[in-house]
Amino acid sequence: MTDRPARHIDVLMCTFRRVEVTQSLTSLDQQILPEGVTMRVIVADNDDTPSAKQRVESHQMSCPVHYVHAPARNISIARNACLDHATGDWVAFIDDDEMAAPDWLATLLRTAESSGADGVFGPAIAEYGPDAPDWMRQQDHHSNIPERRGGVVQTGHTCNAMLRWGDVPWRDARFDLARGQSGGEDTEFFFRLGQMGARFELEMNAIVTEPVAPKRLTLGWLLRRKFRMGQSYAASAPGRSDRIRLFLSAAGKAAICGLATAAFALSPPKRRFWALRGALHLGVCAGCLSLRQPQIYGQ
């Protein structure tokens, strides 16, 4: 038996050579929690050497912080290390360059408890600097906004999520190591939990913000991201017949996007919009064919 309160949250954060991790920790330290709720932060360092150890452990926090060195430059290894050390009734996920609003955890928890959901996803809002192109800022492809499909929340992302972690069937579930350098490991993870019976909900008022790094302010980066997102979404179709249907649907949508891209050749913002949508659907096709995903992490 432990003497911790009945509602304890472990906040899980993976880091890889980001100095912004201390700002993220500060935003977590400023969380306003409901009475009877406690929290702990678990930080998994995915670098070859424990480069974040001193930065994390020397950062003053009012809540407990547990540092874990989880090397190999594979984000799934770091995420799994966080889960291995998690003992809370709930686990929450946030990125190491994000800032959480003071009511972030409380809002996620309130929605989970009031709805009876096993997981809740919130939005990660992109913050663009002055160098961001106008079309990119207006279309806002960098924000991560969870959504329903067919009235159901199928999956989400670890940039802003809370998951039930007490006596649950998925307590031994872990992130796919094969996706740990390509991305999409979180999408597949939550799809899998949904197939195990987990029910998800959305909470658009549980907000985290994330500054957009300069290297991500290019059309090429966004095209690669959209394509990879499509590959990850293919995990929603686990069976062969499901994948065939999804492939045919995505191929048709990709063709329509290709026509729209050509039709708006003289309108750069619209051309880019349809090209990015087309890249997403082409990625779904690639995922249905189990084509290898590009390495984007650990380089």
C-alpha atoms as a PDB file:
ATOM      1  CA  MET A   1       0.000   0.000   0.000  1.00  0.00           C
ATOM      2  CA  THR A   2       1.112   3.539  -0.751  1.00  0.00           C
ATOM      3  CA  ASP A   3      -0.037   6.704   0.941  1.00  0.00           C
ATOM      4  CA  ARG A   4      -0.290   8.813  -2.209  1.00  0.00           C
ATOM      5  CA  PRO A   5      -3.675  10.433  -2.959  1.00  0.00           C
ATOM      6  CA  ALA A   6      -6.267   8.606  -5.035  1.00  0.00           C
ATOM      7  CA  ARG A   7      -5.746  10.997  -7.944  1.00  0.00           C
ATOM      8  CA  HIS A   8      -2.110  11.205  -8.872  1.00  0.00           C
ATOM      9  CA  ILE A   9      -0.827  12.297 -12.296  1.00  0.00           C
ATOM     10  CA  ASP A  10       2.560  11.458 -13.769  1.00  0.00           C
ATOM     11  CA  VAL A  11       3.439  13.985 -16.482  1.00  0.00           C
ATOM     12  CA  LEU A  12       5.666  12.349 -19.092  1.00  0.00           C
ATOM     13  CA  MET A  13       8.141  14.337 -21.157  1.00  0.00           C
ATOM     14  CA  CYS A  14      10.816  13.109 -23.581  1.00  0.00           C
ATOM     15  CA  THR A  15      13.753  15.361 -24.392  1.00  0.00           C
ATOM     16  CA  PHE A  16      16.609  15.390 -26.891  1.00  0.00           C
ATOM     17  CA  ARG A  17      19.127  18.256 -26.712  1.00  0.00           C
ATOM     18  CA  ARG A  18      16.538  20.987 -26.189  1.00  0.00           C
ATOM     19  CA  VAL A  19      17.321  23.818 -23.823  1.00  0.00           C
ATOM     20  CA  GLU A  20      13.617  24.735 -23.922  1.00  0.00           C
ATOM     21  CA  VAL A  21      12.933  21.800 -21.619  1.00  0.00           C
ATOM     22  CA  THR A  22      13.415  24.071 -18.593  1.00  0.00           C
ATOM     23  CA  GLN A  23      10.718  26.460 -19.844  1.00  0.00           C
ATOM     24  CA  SER A  24       8.367  23.517 -20.269  1.00  0.00           C
ATOM     25  CA  LEU A  25       9.168  22.365 -16.736  1.00  0.00           C
ATOM     26  CA  THR A  26       8.421  25.845 -15.397  1.00  0.00           C
ATOM     27  CA  SER A  27       4.986  25.788 -17.040  1.00  0.00           C
ATOM     28  CA  LEU A  28       4.315  22.423 -15.387  1.00  0.00           C
ATOM     29  CA  ASP A  29       5.403  23.775 -12.026  1.00  0.00           C
ATOM     30  CA  GLN A  30       2.780  26.498 -12.411  1.00  0.00           C
ATOM     31  CA  GLN A  31      -0.126  24.061 -12.788  1.00  0.00           C
ATOM     32  CA  ILE A  32      -3.147  24.808 -10.615  1.00  0.00           C
ATOM     33  CA  LEU A  33      -4.394  21.409  -9.519  1.00  0.00           C
ATOM     34  CA  PRO A  34      -7.751  20.511  -7.977  1.00  0.00           C
ATOM     35  CA  GLU A  35      -7.792  19.689  -4.279  1.00  0.00           C
ATOM     36  CA  GLY A  36      -6.585  16.154  -3.601  1.00  0.00           C
ATOM     37  CA  VAL A  37      -4.675  15.847  -6.884  1.00  0.00           C
ATOM     38  CA  THR A  38      -0.897  15.554  -6.973  1.00  0.00           C
ATOM     39  CA  MET A  39       1.584  15.377  -9.801  1.00  0.00           C
ATOM     40  CA  ARG A  40       5.091  14.242 -10.608  1.00  0.00           C
ATOM     41  CA  VAL A  41       7.124  14.918 -13.746  1.00  0.00           C
ATOM     42  CA  ILE A  42       9.106  12.145 -15.449  1.00  0.00           C
ATOM     43  CA  VAL A  43      11.687  13.301 -17.999  1.00  0.00           C
ATOM     44  CA  ALA A  44      13.293  10.730 -20.306  1.00  0.00           C
ATOM     45  CA  ASP A  45      16.507  11.902 -21.984  1.00  0.00           C
ATOM     46  CA  ASN A  46      16.902  10.222 -25.405  1.00  0.00           C
ATOM     47  CA  ASP A  47      20.440  11.503 -26.076  1.00  0.00           C
ATOM     48  CA  ASP A  48      23.414   9.111 -26.224  1.00  0.00           C
ATOM     49  CA  THR A  49      24.850  10.716 -23.112  1.00  0.00           C
ATOM     50  CA  PRO A  50      22.788  12.127 -20.211  1.00  0.00           C
ATOM     51  CA  SER A  51      23.098  15.640 -21.629  1.00  0.00           C
ATOM     52  CA  ALA A  52      19.900  16.920 -19.995  1.00  0.00           C
ATOM     53  CA  LYS A  53      20.522  15.462 -16.557  1.00  0.00           C
ATOM     54  CA  GLN A  54      22.030  18.536 -14.911  1.00  0.00           C
ATOM     55  CA  ARG A  55      19.638  20.892 -16.669  1.00  0.00           C
ATOM     56  CA  VAL A  56      16.598  18.946 -15.457  1.00  0.00           C
ATOM     57  CA  GLU A  57      17.746  18.049 -11.954  1.00  0.00           C
ATOM     58  CA  SER A  58      19.046  21.530 -11.145  1.00  0.00           C
ATOM     59  CA  HIS A  59      15.838  23.241 -12.269  1.00  0.00           C
ATOM     60  CA  GLN A  60      13.892  24.272  -9.176  1.00  0.00           C
ATOM     61  CA  MET A  61      10.462  22.669  -9.011  1.00  0.00           C
ATOM     62  CA  SER A  62       7.850  22.467  -6.267  1.00  0.00           C
ATOM     63  CA  CYS A  63       6.686  19.039  -7.474  1.00  0.00           C
ATOM     64  CA  PRO A  64       8.838  15.881  -7.702  1.00  0.00           C
ATOM     65  CA  VAL A  65      10.834  15.408 -10.917  1.00  0.00           C
ATOM     66  CA  HIS A  66      12.257  12.039 -11.925  1.00  0.00           C
ATOM     67  CA  TYR A  67      15.007  12.032 -14.565  1.00  0.00           C
ATOM     68  CA  VAL A  68      15.582   8.901 -16.675  1.00  0.00           C
ATOM     69  CA  HIS A  69      18.377   8.362 -19.178  1.00  0.00           C
ATOM     70  CA  ALA A  70      16.866   6.419 -22.100  1.00  0.00           C
ATOM     71  CA  PRO A  71      19.471   6.518 -24.867  1.00  0.00           C
ATOM     72  CA  ALA A  72      19.382   5.290 -28.480  1.00  0.00           C
ATOM     73  CA  ARG A  73      17.938   8.308 -30.329  1.00  0.00           C
ATOM     74  CA  ASN A  74      14.636   6.512 -30.693  1.00  0.00           C
ATOM     75  CA  ILE A  75      11.671   8.420 -29.294  1.00  0.00           C
ATOM     76  CA  SER A  76       9.711   5.227 -28.608  1.00  0.00           C
ATOM     77  CA  ILE A  77      12.456   4.060 -26.240  1.00  0.00           C
ATOM     78  CA  ALA A  78      12.152   7.310 -24.297  1.00  0.00           C
ATOM     79  CA  ARG A  79       8.352   7.170 -24.231  1.00  0.00           C
ATOM     80  CA  ASN A  80       8.447   3.567 -23.017  1.00  0.00           C
ATOM     81  CA  ALA A  81      10.944   4.489 -20.301  1.00  0.00           C
ATOM     82  CA  CYS A  82       8.469   7.097 -19.063  1.00  0.00           C
ATOM     83  CA  LEU A  83       5.692   4.514 -18.962  1.00  0.00           C
ATOM     84  CA  ASP A  84       7.966   2.015 -17.190  1.00  0.00           C
ATOM     85  CA  HIS A  85       8.439   4.521 -14.354  1.00  0.00           C
ATOM     86  CA  ALA A  86       4.844   5.775 -14.253  1.00  0.00           C
ATOM     87  CA  THR A  87       2.825   4.845 -11.159  1.00  0.00           C
ATOM     88  CA  GLY A  88       0.031   7.407 -11.358  1.00  0.00           C
ATOM     89  CA  ASP A  89      -3.689   6.899 -11.755  1.00  0.00           C
ATOM     90  CA  TRP A  90      -3.261   9.031 -14.857  1.00  0.00           C
ATOM     91  CA  VAL A  91      -0.366   9.867 -17.161  1.00  0.00           C
ATOM     92  CA  ALA A  92      -0.192  13.079 -19.160  1.00  0.00           C
ATOM     93  CA  PHE A  93       2.000  13.711 -22.191  1.00  0.00           C
ATOM     94  CA  ILE A  94       3.679  16.951 -23.259  1.00  0.00           C
ATOM     95  CA  ASP A  95       6.626  17.833 -25.521  1.00  0.00           C
ATOM     96  CA  ASP A  96       9.856  19.365 -24.250  1.00  0.00           C
ATOM     97  CA  ASP A  97       9.394  22.605 -26.213  1.00  0.00           C
ATOM     98  CA  GLU A  98       5.787  23.251 -25.215  1.00  0.00           C
ATOM     99  CA  MET A  99       4.294  25.568 -22.628  1.00  0.00           C
ATOM    100  CA  ALA A 100       1.210  24.401 -20.744  1.00  0.00           C
ATOM    101  CA  ALA A 101      -1.499  26.782 -19.614  1.00  0.00           C
ATOM    102  CA  PRO A 102      -1.838  26.859 -15.782  1.00  0.00           C
ATOM    103  CA  ASP A 103      -5.163  24.981 -15.936  1.00  0.00           C
ATOM    104  CA  TRP A 104      -3.958  22.430 -18.512  1.00  0.00           C
ATOM    105  CA  LEU A 105      -3.874  19.344 -16.291  1.00  0.00           C
ATOM    106  CA  ALA A 106      -6.962  20.307 -14.304  1.00  0.00           C
ATOM    107  CA  THR A 107      -8.969  20.796 -17.499  1.00  0.00           C
ATOM    108  CA  LEU A 108      -7.889  17.466 -18.984  1.00  0.00           C
ATOM    109  CA  LEU A 109      -8.677  15.664 -15.740  1.00  0.00           C
ATOM    110  CA  ARG A 110     -12.059  17.315 -15.320  1.00  0.00           C
ATOM    111  CA  THR A 111     -13.099  16.281 -18.829  1.00  0.00           C
ATOM    112  CA  ALA A 112     -11.838  12.727 -18.353  1.00  0.00           C
ATOM    113  CA  GLU A 113     -13.674  12.272 -15.070  1.00  0.00           C
ATOM    114  CA  SER A 114     -16.912  13.947 -16.144  1.00  0.00           C
ATOM    115  CA  SER A 115     -17.126  12.045 -19.429  1.00  0.00           C
ATOM    116  CA  GLY A 116     -15.805   8.719 -18.168  1.00  0.00           C
ATOM    117  CA  ALA A 117     -13.229   8.709 -20.977  1.00  0.00           C
ATOM    118  CA  ASP A 118      -9.996   6.770 -20.689  1.00  0.00           C
ATOM    119  CA  GLY A 119      -8.017   9.395 -22.561  1.00  0.00           C
ATOM    120  CA  VAL A 120      -8.379  13.068 -23.435  1.00  0.00           C
ATOM    121  CA  PHE A 121      -6.593  15.021 -26.160  1.00  0.00           C
ATOM    122  CA  GLY A 122      -6.145  18.783 -26.324  1.00  0.00           C
ATOM    123  CA  PRO A 123      -4.756  21.188 -28.920  1.00  0.00           C
ATOM    124  CA  ALA A 124      -1.119  22.178 -29.349  1.00  0.00           C
ATOM    125  CA  ILE A 125      -1.184  25.692 -30.777  1.00  0.00           C
ATOM    126  CA  ALA A 126       1.726  26.800 -32.965  1.00  0.00           C
ATOM    127  CA  GLU A 127       3.318  30.173 -32.245  1.00  0.00           C
ATOM    128  CA  TYR A 128       4.836  31.672 -35.373  1.00  0.00           C
ATOM    129  CA  GLY A 129       7.755  34.071 -35.320  1.00  0.00           C
ATOM    130  CA  PRO A 130       8.107  37.135 -37.565  1.00  0.00           C
ATOM    131  CA  ASP A 131       9.935  35.125 -40.258  1.00  0.00           C
ATOM    132  CA  ALA A 132       6.999  32.791 -40.905  1.00  0.00           C
ATOM    133  CA  PRO A 133       5.468  33.204 -44.404  1.00  0.00           C
ATOM    134  CA  ASP A 134       1.997  34.738 -44.425  1.00  0.00           C
ATOM    135  CA  TRP A 135       0.400  31.749 -46.165  1.00  0.00           C
ATOM    136  CA  MET A 136       1.841  29.373 -43.578  1.00  0.00           C
ATOM    137  CA  ARG A 137       0.638  31.491 -40.694  1.00  0.00           C
ATOM    138  CA  GLN A 138      -2.874  31.781 -42.182  1.00  0.00           C
ATOM    139  CA  GLN A 139      -3.243  28.083 -42.966  1.00  0.00           C
ATOM    140  CA  ASP A 140      -1.582  27.069 -39.684  1.00  0.00           C
ATOM    141  CA  HIS A 141      -0.319  23.621 -40.658  1.00  0.00           C
ATOM    142  CA  HIS A 142       1.930  23.411 -37.575  1.00  0.00           C
ATOM    143  CA  SER A 143      -0.765  23.431 -34.906  1.00  0.00           C
ATOM    144  CA  ASN A 144      -1.905  20.003 -33.795  1.00  0.00           C
ATOM    145  CA  ILE A 145      -5.679  20.032 -33.364  1.00  0.00           C
ATOM    146  CA  PRO A 146      -7.308  16.712 -32.380  1.00  0.00           C
ATOM    147  CA  GLU A 147     -10.529  15.820 -34.147  1.00  0.00           C
ATOM    148  CA  ARG A 148     -13.371  13.362 -34.406  1.00  0.00           C
ATOM    149  CA  ARG A 149     -13.863  11.099 -37.385  1.00  0.00           C
ATOM    150  CA  GLY A 150     -17.361   9.824 -37.854  1.00  0.00           C
ATOM    151  CA  GLY A 151     -18.257  11.274 -34.460  1.00  0.00           C
ATOM    152  CA  VAL A 152     -15.556   9.224 -32.715  1.00  0.00           C
ATOM    153  CA  VAL A 153     -12.152  10.208 -31.334  1.00  0.00           C
ATOM    154  CA  GLN A 154      -9.976   7.462 -32.812  1.00  0.00           C
ATOM    155  CA  THR A 155      -6.497   8.565 -31.799  1.00  0.00           C
ATOM    156  CA  GLY A 156      -4.385  11.515 -30.666  1.00  0.00           C
ATOM    157  CA  HIS A 157      -0.862  12.765 -30.116  1.00  0.00           C
ATOM    158  CA  THR A 158       1.509  12.881 -27.167  1.00  0.00           C
ATOM    159  CA  CYS A 159       1.998  16.630 -27.565  1.00  0.00           C
ATOM    160  CA  ASN A 160      -1.126  17.099 -25.413  1.00  0.00           C
ATOM    161  CA  ALA A 161      -2.849  14.092 -23.886  1.00  0.00           C
ATOM    162  CA  MET A 162      -3.972  12.435 -20.666  1.00  0.00           C
ATOM    163  CA  LEU A 163      -4.484   8.686 -20.311  1.00  0.00           C
ATOM    164  CA  ARG A 164      -5.951   6.506 -17.578  1.00  0.00           C
ATOM    165  CA  TRP A 165      -3.105   4.449 -16.077  1.00  0.00           C
ATOM    166  CA  GLY A 166      -4.454   2.609 -13.052  1.00  0.00           C
ATOM    167  CA  ASP A 167      -5.976  -0.848 -13.345  1.00  0.00           C
ATOM    168  CA  VAL A 168      -6.397  -0.830 -17.131  1.00  0.00           C
ATOM    169  CA  PRO A 169      -6.041  -3.501 -19.853  1.00  0.00           C
ATOM    170  CA  TRP A 170      -3.342  -1.489 -21.641  1.00  0.00           C
ATOM    171  CA  ARG A 171      -1.018  -1.140 -18.659  1.00  0.00           C
ATOM    172  CA  ASP A 172       1.613  -3.247 -20.477  1.00  0.00           C
ATOM    173  CA  ALA A 173       1.158  -1.522 -23.846  1.00  0.00           C
ATOM    174  CA  ARG A 174       4.201   0.307 -25.154  1.00  0.00           C
ATOM    175  CA  PHE A 175       5.149   2.481 -28.130  1.00  0.00           C
ATOM    176  CA  ASP A 176       6.308   0.750 -31.317  1.00  0.00           C
ATOM    177  CA  LEU A 177      10.124   0.806 -31.531  1.00  0.00           C
ATOM    178  CA  ALA A 178       9.981   0.492 -35.319  1.00  0.00           C
ATOM    179  CA  ARG A 179       8.339   3.931 -35.480  1.00  0.00           C
ATOM    180  CA  GLY A 180      10.711   5.548 -33.017  1.00  0.00           C
ATOM    181  CA  GLN A 181      12.815   7.339 -35.629  1.00  0.00           C
ATOM    182  CA  SER A 182      10.144   7.986 -38.234  1.00  0.00           C
ATOM    183  CA  GLY A 183       7.381   9.409 -36.040  1.00  0.00           C
ATOM    184  CA  GLY A 184       3.752   8.426 -35.784  1.00  0.00           C
ATOM    185  CA  GLU A 185       4.445   6.137 -32.840  1.00  0.00           C
ATOM    186  CA  ASP A 186       1.903   8.035 -30.749  1.00  0.00           C
ATOM    187  CA  THR A 187      -0.836   7.850 -33.393  1.00  0.00           C
ATOM    188  CA  GLU A 188      -0.371   4.087 -33.685  1.00  0.00           C
ATOM    189  CA  PHE A 189      -0.195   3.683 -29.897  1.00  0.00           C
ATOM    190  CA  PHE A 190      -3.548   5.354 -29.285  1.00  0.00           C
ATOM    191  CA  PHE A 191      -5.142   3.538 -32.228  1.00  0.00           C
ATOM    192  CA  ARG A 192      -4.033   0.281 -30.611  1.00  0.00           C
ATOM    193  CA  LEU A 193      -5.419   1.273 -27.205  1.00  0.00           C
ATOM    194  CA  GLY A 194      -8.716   2.119 -28.848  1.00  0.00           C
ATOM    195  CA  GLN A 195      -8.816  -1.376 -30.306  1.00  0.00           C
ATOM    196  CA  MET A 196      -8.231  -2.661 -26.754  1.00  0.00           C
ATOM    197  CA  GLY A 197     -11.315  -0.829 -25.518  1.00  0.00           C
ATOM    198  CA  ALA A 198     -10.023   2.616 -24.517  1.00  0.00           C
ATOM    199  CA  ARG A 199     -12.467   5.454 -25.144  1.00  0.00           C
ATOM    200  CA  PHE A 200     -11.180   8.927 -25.953  1.00  0.00           C
ATOM    201  CA  GLU A 201     -12.562  12.438 -25.682  1.00  0.00           C
ATOM    202  CA  LEU A 202     -11.490  15.948 -26.745  1.00  0.00           C
ATOM    203  CA  GLU A 203     -10.976  19.059 -24.631  1.00  0.00           C
ATOM    204  CA  MET A 204     -10.196  22.139 -26.688  1.00  0.00           C
ATOM    205  CA  ASN A 205      -9.718  24.321 -23.608  1.00  0.00           C
ATOM    206  CA  ALA A 206      -6.731  22.297 -22.364  1.00  0.00           C
ATOM    207  CA  ILE A 207      -4.128  24.261 -24.282  1.00  0.00           C
ATOM    208  CA  VAL A 208      -0.394  23.959 -24.801  1.00  0.00           C
ATOM    209  CA  THR A 209       1.603  26.237 -27.089  1.00  0.00           C
ATOM    210  CA  GLU A 210       4.702  25.482 -29.128  1.00  0.00           C
ATOM    211  CA  PRO A 211       7.039  27.905 -30.933  1.00  0.00           C
ATOM    212  CA  VAL A 212       7.711  26.888 -34.539  1.00  0.00           C
ATOM    213  CA  ALA A 213      11.424  26.300 -35.119  1.00  0.00           C
ATOM    214  CA  PRO A 214      12.903  28.154 -38.133  1.00  0.00           C
ATOM    215  CA  LYS A 215      13.891  24.891 -39.874  1.00  0.00           C
ATOM    216  CA  ARG A 216      10.205  23.950 -39.997  1.00  0.00           C
ATOM    217  CA  LEU A 217       9.175  27.085 -41.897  1.00  0.00           C
ATOM    218  CA  THR A 218       9.496  25.519 -45.343  1.00  0.00           C
ATOM    219  CA  LEU A 219       7.066  23.874 -47.716  1.00  0.00           C
ATOM    220  CA  GLY A 220       9.406  20.890 -48.011  1.00  0.00           C
ATOM    221  CA  TRP A 221       9.316  20.230 -44.260  1.00  0.00           C
ATOM    222  CA  LEU A 222       5.525  20.441 -44.228  1.00  0.00           C
ATOM    223  CA  LEU A 223       5.199  18.083 -47.203  1.00  0.00           C
ATOM    224  CA  ARG A 224       7.342  15.500 -45.428  1.00  0.00           C
ATOM    225  CA  ARG A 225       5.349  15.949 -42.229  1.00  0.00           C
ATOM    226  CA  LYS A 226       1.990  15.555 -43.968  1.00  0.00           C
ATOM    227  CA  PHE A 227       3.190  12.458 -45.819  1.00  0.00           C
ATOM    228  CA  ARG A 228       4.407  10.898 -42.582  1.00  0.00           C
ATOM    229  CA  MET A 229       1.126  11.772 -40.852  1.00  0.00           C
ATOM    230  CA  GLY A 230      -0.690   9.913 -43.588  1.00  0.00           C
ATOM    231  CA  GLN A 231       1.536   6.872 -43.146  1.00  0.00           C
ATOM    232  CA  SER A 232       0.742   6.896 -39.437  1.00  0.00           C
ATOM    233  CA  TYR A 233      -2.997   7.163 -40.017  1.00  0.00           C
ATOM    234  CA  ALA A 234      -2.894   3.876 -41.930  1.00  0.00           C
ATOM    235  CA  ALA A 235      -2.622   2.197 -38.513  1.00  0.00           C
ATOM    236  CA  SER A 236      -6.373   2.787 -38.213  1.00  0.00           C
ATOM    237  CA  ALA A 237      -6.868  -0.095 -40.654  1.00  0.00           C
ATOM    238  CA  PRO A 238      -5.372  -3.189 -38.987  1.00  0.00           C
ATOM    239  CA  GLY A 239      -6.919  -5.800 -41.292  1.00  0.00           C
ATOM    240  CA  ARG A 240      -6.126  -6.526 -44.959  1.00  0.00           C
ATOM    241  CA  SER A 241      -9.617  -5.676 -46.228  1.00  0.00           C
ATOM    242  CA  ASP A 242      -9.622  -2.482 -44.132  1.00  0.00           C
ATOM    243  CA  ARG A 243      -6.322  -1.429 -45.673  1.00  0.00           C
ATOM    244  CA  ILE A 244      -7.551  -2.072 -49.194  1.00  0.00           C
ATOM    245  CA  ARG A 245     -10.611   0.112 -48.613  1.00  0.00           C
ATOM    246  CA  LEU A 246      -8.521   2.849 -46.986  1.00  0.00           C
ATOM    247  CA  PHE A 247      -5.972   2.713 -49.813  1.00  0.00           C
ATOM    248  CA  LEU A 248      -8.639   3.126 -52.495  1.00  0.00           C
ATOM    249  CA  SER A 249     -10.275   6.003 -50.621  1.00  0.00           C
ATOM    250  CA  ALA A 250      -6.946   7.786 -50.050  1.00  0.00           C
ATOM    251  CA  ALA A 251      -5.856   7.257 -53.657  1.00  0.00           C
ATOM    252  CA  GLY A 252      -9.048   8.889 -54.884  1.00  0.00           C
ATOM    253  CA  LYS A 253      -8.604  11.828 -52.538  1.00  0.00           C
ATOM    254  CA  ALA A 254      -4.956  12.209 -53.588  1.00  0.00           C
ATOM    255  CA  ALA A 255      -6.032  12.363 -57.231  1.00  0.00           C
ATOM    256  CA  ILE A 256      -8.578  15.082 -56.464  1.00  0.00           C
ATOM    257  CA  CYS A 257      -5.937  17.052 -54.555  1.00  0.00           C
ATOM    258  CA  GLY A 258      -3.574  16.695 -57.517  1.00  0.00           C
ATOM    259  CA  LEU A 259      -6.194  18.163 -59.845  1.00  0.00           C
ATOM    260  CA  ALA A 260      -6.889  21.004 -57.416  1.00  0.00           C
ATOM    261  CA  THR A 261      -3.170  21.726 -57.105  1.00  0.00           C
ATOM    262  CA  ALA A 262      -2.927  22.059 -60.875  1.00  0.00           C
ATOM    263  CA  ALA A 263      -6.107  24.136 -61.083  1.00  0.00           C
ATOM    264  CA  PHE A 264      -4.687  26.678 -58.618  1.00  0.00           C
ATOM    265  CA  ALA A 265      -1.257  26.846 -60.245  1.00  0.00           C
ATOM    266  CA  LEU A 266      -1.467  30.641 -60.399  1.00  0.00           C
ATOM    267  CA  SER A 267      -2.505  30.999 -56.747  1.00  0.00           C
ATOM    268  CA  PRO A 268       0.485  29.974 -54.583  1.00  0.00           C
ATOM    269  CA  PRO A 269      -1.389  29.807 -51.227  1.00  0.00           C
ATOM    270  CA  LYS A 270      -4.183  27.601 -52.623  1.00  0.00           C
ATOM    271  CA  ARG A 271      -1.701  25.522 -54.627  1.00  0.00           C
ATOM    272  CA  ARG A 272       0.307  24.823 -51.487  1.00  0.00           C
ATOM    273  CA  PHE A 273      -2.838  24.013 -49.503  1.00  0.00           C
ATOM    274  CA  TRP A 274      -3.949  21.321 -51.952  1.00  0.00           C
ATOM    275  CA  ALA A 275      -0.430  19.990 -52.396  1.00  0.00           C
ATOM    276  CA  LEU A 276      -0.166  19.456 -48.642  1.00  0.00           C
ATOM    277  CA  ARG A 277      -3.538  17.701 -48.530  1.00  0.00           C
ATOM    278  CA  GLY A 278      -2.410  15.522 -51.400  1.00  0.00           C
ATOM    279  CA  ALA A 279       0.797  14.624 -49.555  1.00  0.00           C
ATOM    280  CA  LEU A 280      -1.294  13.506 -46.567  1.00  0.00           C
ATOM    281  CA  HIS A 281      -3.425  11.156 -48.676  1.00  0.00           C
ATOM    282  CA  LEU A 282      -0.392   9.819 -50.550  1.00  0.00           C
ATOM    283  CA  GLY A 283       1.110   9.068 -47.152  1.00  0.00           C
ATOM    284  CA  VAL A 284      -1.990   7.048 -46.255  1.00  0.00           C
ATOM    285  CA  CYS A 285      -1.507   5.037 -49.449  1.00  0.00           C
ATOM    286  CA  ALA A 286       2.135   4.439 -48.544  1.00  0.00           C
ATOM    287  CA  GLY A 287       1.138   3.373 -45.045  1.00  0.00           C
ATOM    288  CA  CYS A 288      -1.420   0.915 -46.393  1.00  0.00           C
ATOM    289  CA  LEU A 289       1.353  -0.604 -48.518  1.00  0.00           C
ATOM    290  CA  SER A 290       3.649  -0.747 -45.440  1.00  0.00           C
ATOM    291  CA  LEU A 291       6.321   1.286 -47.206  1.00  0.00           C
ATOM    292  CA  ARG A 292       9.255   2.295 -45.054  1.00  0.00           C
ATOM    293  CA  GLN A 293       8.882   5.617 -43.271  1.00  0.00           C
ATOM    294  CA  PRO A 294      11.667   8.230 -43.496  1.00  0.00           C
ATOM    295  CA  GLN A 295      13.896   8.811 -40.484  1.00  0.00           C
ATOM    296  CA  ILE A 296      13.192  12.181 -38.911  1.00  0.00           C
ATOM    297  CA  TYR A 297      14.288  11.667 -35.281  1.00  0.00           C
ATOM    298  CA  GLY A 298      17.684  11.003 -33.763  1.00  0.00           C
ATOM    299  CA  GLN A 299      19.766  12.635 -36.470  1.00  0.00           C
END
